């Protein structure tokens, strides 16, 4: 439930920034905030993807979740959160 609340808060915050972009006084600030937010997310996901591929390249013969005590990687946790898997 906490994950859904955080997602809705991010969505509503984005709508608030977009509404500020509609006014002339705050439009440049809102545009800058949205651009910075998008670029931050893009860099974070890119770093996670490169990190996972690097791990996969170095350990090409080893499966990560073959043992039950091996923790999930960051992208696997994000996937489970996004699709609400358990």
Protein backbone atom coordinates (compact mmCIF):
# COMPACT_ATOMS: atom_id res chain seq x y z
CA UNK A 1 0.00 0.00 0.00
CA UNK A 2 2.86 2.35 0.76
CA UNK A 3 4.21 1.95 -2.79
CA UNK A 4 0.89 2.93 -4.33
CA UNK A 5 0.68 6.00 -2.12
CA UNK A 6 4.18 7.08 -3.12
CA UNK A 7 3.30 6.58 -6.79
CA UNK A 8 0.17 8.69 -6.46
CA UNK A 9 2.08 11.41 -4.63
CA UNK A 10 4.65 11.55 -7.46
CA UNK A 11 1.85 11.69 -10.01
CA UNK A 12 0.05 14.49 -8.20
CA UNK A 13 3.31 16.39 -7.74
CA UNK A 14 3.92 16.16 -11.48
CA UNK A 15 0.42 17.46 -12.16
CA UNK A 16 1.10 20.35 -9.79
CA UNK A 17 4.30 21.21 -11.67
CA UNK A 18 2.44 20.98 -14.97
CA UNK A 19 -0.23 23.33 -13.68
CA UNK A 20 2.50 25.79 -12.74
CA UNK A 21 3.83 25.47 -16.28
CA UNK A 22 0.49 26.74 -17.55
CA UNK A 23 0.98 30.08 -15.82
CA UNK A 24 3.44 32.54 -17.28
CA UNK A 25 5.12 33.47 -14.02
CA UNK A 26 6.25 29.96 -13.09
CA UNK A 27 6.56 28.36 -16.51
CA UNK A 28 10.37 28.45 -16.76
CA UNK A 29 10.82 27.14 -13.22
CA UNK A 30 8.29 24.34 -13.77
CA UNK A 31 9.86 23.40 -17.10
CA UNK A 32 13.29 23.29 -15.51
CA UNK A 33 12.03 21.15 -12.62
CA UNK A 34 10.32 18.67 -14.96
CA UNK A 35 13.36 18.46 -17.23
CA UNK A 36 15.67 17.88 -14.26
CA UNK A 37 13.34 15.22 -12.86
CA UNK A 38 13.17 13.38 -16.16
CA UNK A 39 16.92 13.54 -16.69
CA UNK A 40 17.51 12.26 -13.14
CA UNK A 41 15.22 9.30 -13.74
CA UNK A 42 16.84 8.62 -17.10
CA UNK A 43 20.33 8.61 -15.59
CA UNK A 44 19.26 6.42 -12.65
CA UNK A 45 17.63 3.79 -14.88
CA UNK A 46 20.59 3.89 -17.29
CA UNK A 47 23.03 3.29 -14.45
CA UNK A 48 20.94 0.37 -13.18
CA UNK A 49 20.75 -1.20 -16.65
CA UNK A 50 24.48 -0.84 -17.28
CA UNK A 51 25.22 -2.26 -13.82
CA UNK A 52 23.00 -5.30 -14.42
CA UNK A 53 24.48 -5.93 -17.85
CA UNK A 54 27.99 -5.61 -16.46
CA UNK A 55 27.17 -8.19 -13.76
CA UNK A 56 25.65 -10.46 -16.38
CA UNK A 57 28.72 -10.07 -18.59
CA UNK A 58 31.16 -10.89 -15.78
CA UNK A 59 29.17 -13.84 -14.46
CA UNK A 60 27.68 -15.17 -17.68
CA UNK A 61 27.51 -18.77 -16.46
CA UNK A 62 25.96 -18.00 -13.08
CA UNK A 63 22.23 -17.51 -12.54
CA UNK A 64 21.54 -14.92 -9.83
CA UNK A 65 18.43 -16.40 -8.31
CA UNK A 66 19.45 -20.04 -8.48
CA UNK A 67 19.96 -20.06 -4.70
CA UNK A 68 17.11 -19.03 -2.40
CA UNK A 69 19.37 -16.95 -0.14
CA UNK A 70 20.66 -14.72 -2.97
CA UNK A 71 18.99 -11.27 -2.79
CA UNK A 72 17.24 -9.82 -5.82
CA UNK A 73 19.06 -7.26 -7.91
CA UNK A 74 17.88 -3.66 -8.12
CA UNK A 75 16.14 -4.06 -11.49
CA UNK A 76 14.37 -7.22 -10.29
CA UNK A 77 13.06 -5.33 -7.25
CA UNK A 78 11.85 -2.47 -9.47
CA UNK A 79 10.12 -4.97 -11.79
CA UNK A 80 8.41 -6.69 -8.86
CA UNK A 81 7.30 -3.30 -7.48
CA UNK A 82 5.99 -2.13 -10.87
CA UNK A 83 4.02 -5.30 -11.61
CA UNK A 84 3.06 -5.86 -7.94
CA UNK A 85 4.59 -9.34 -7.96
CA UNK A 86 5.56 -11.24 -4.84
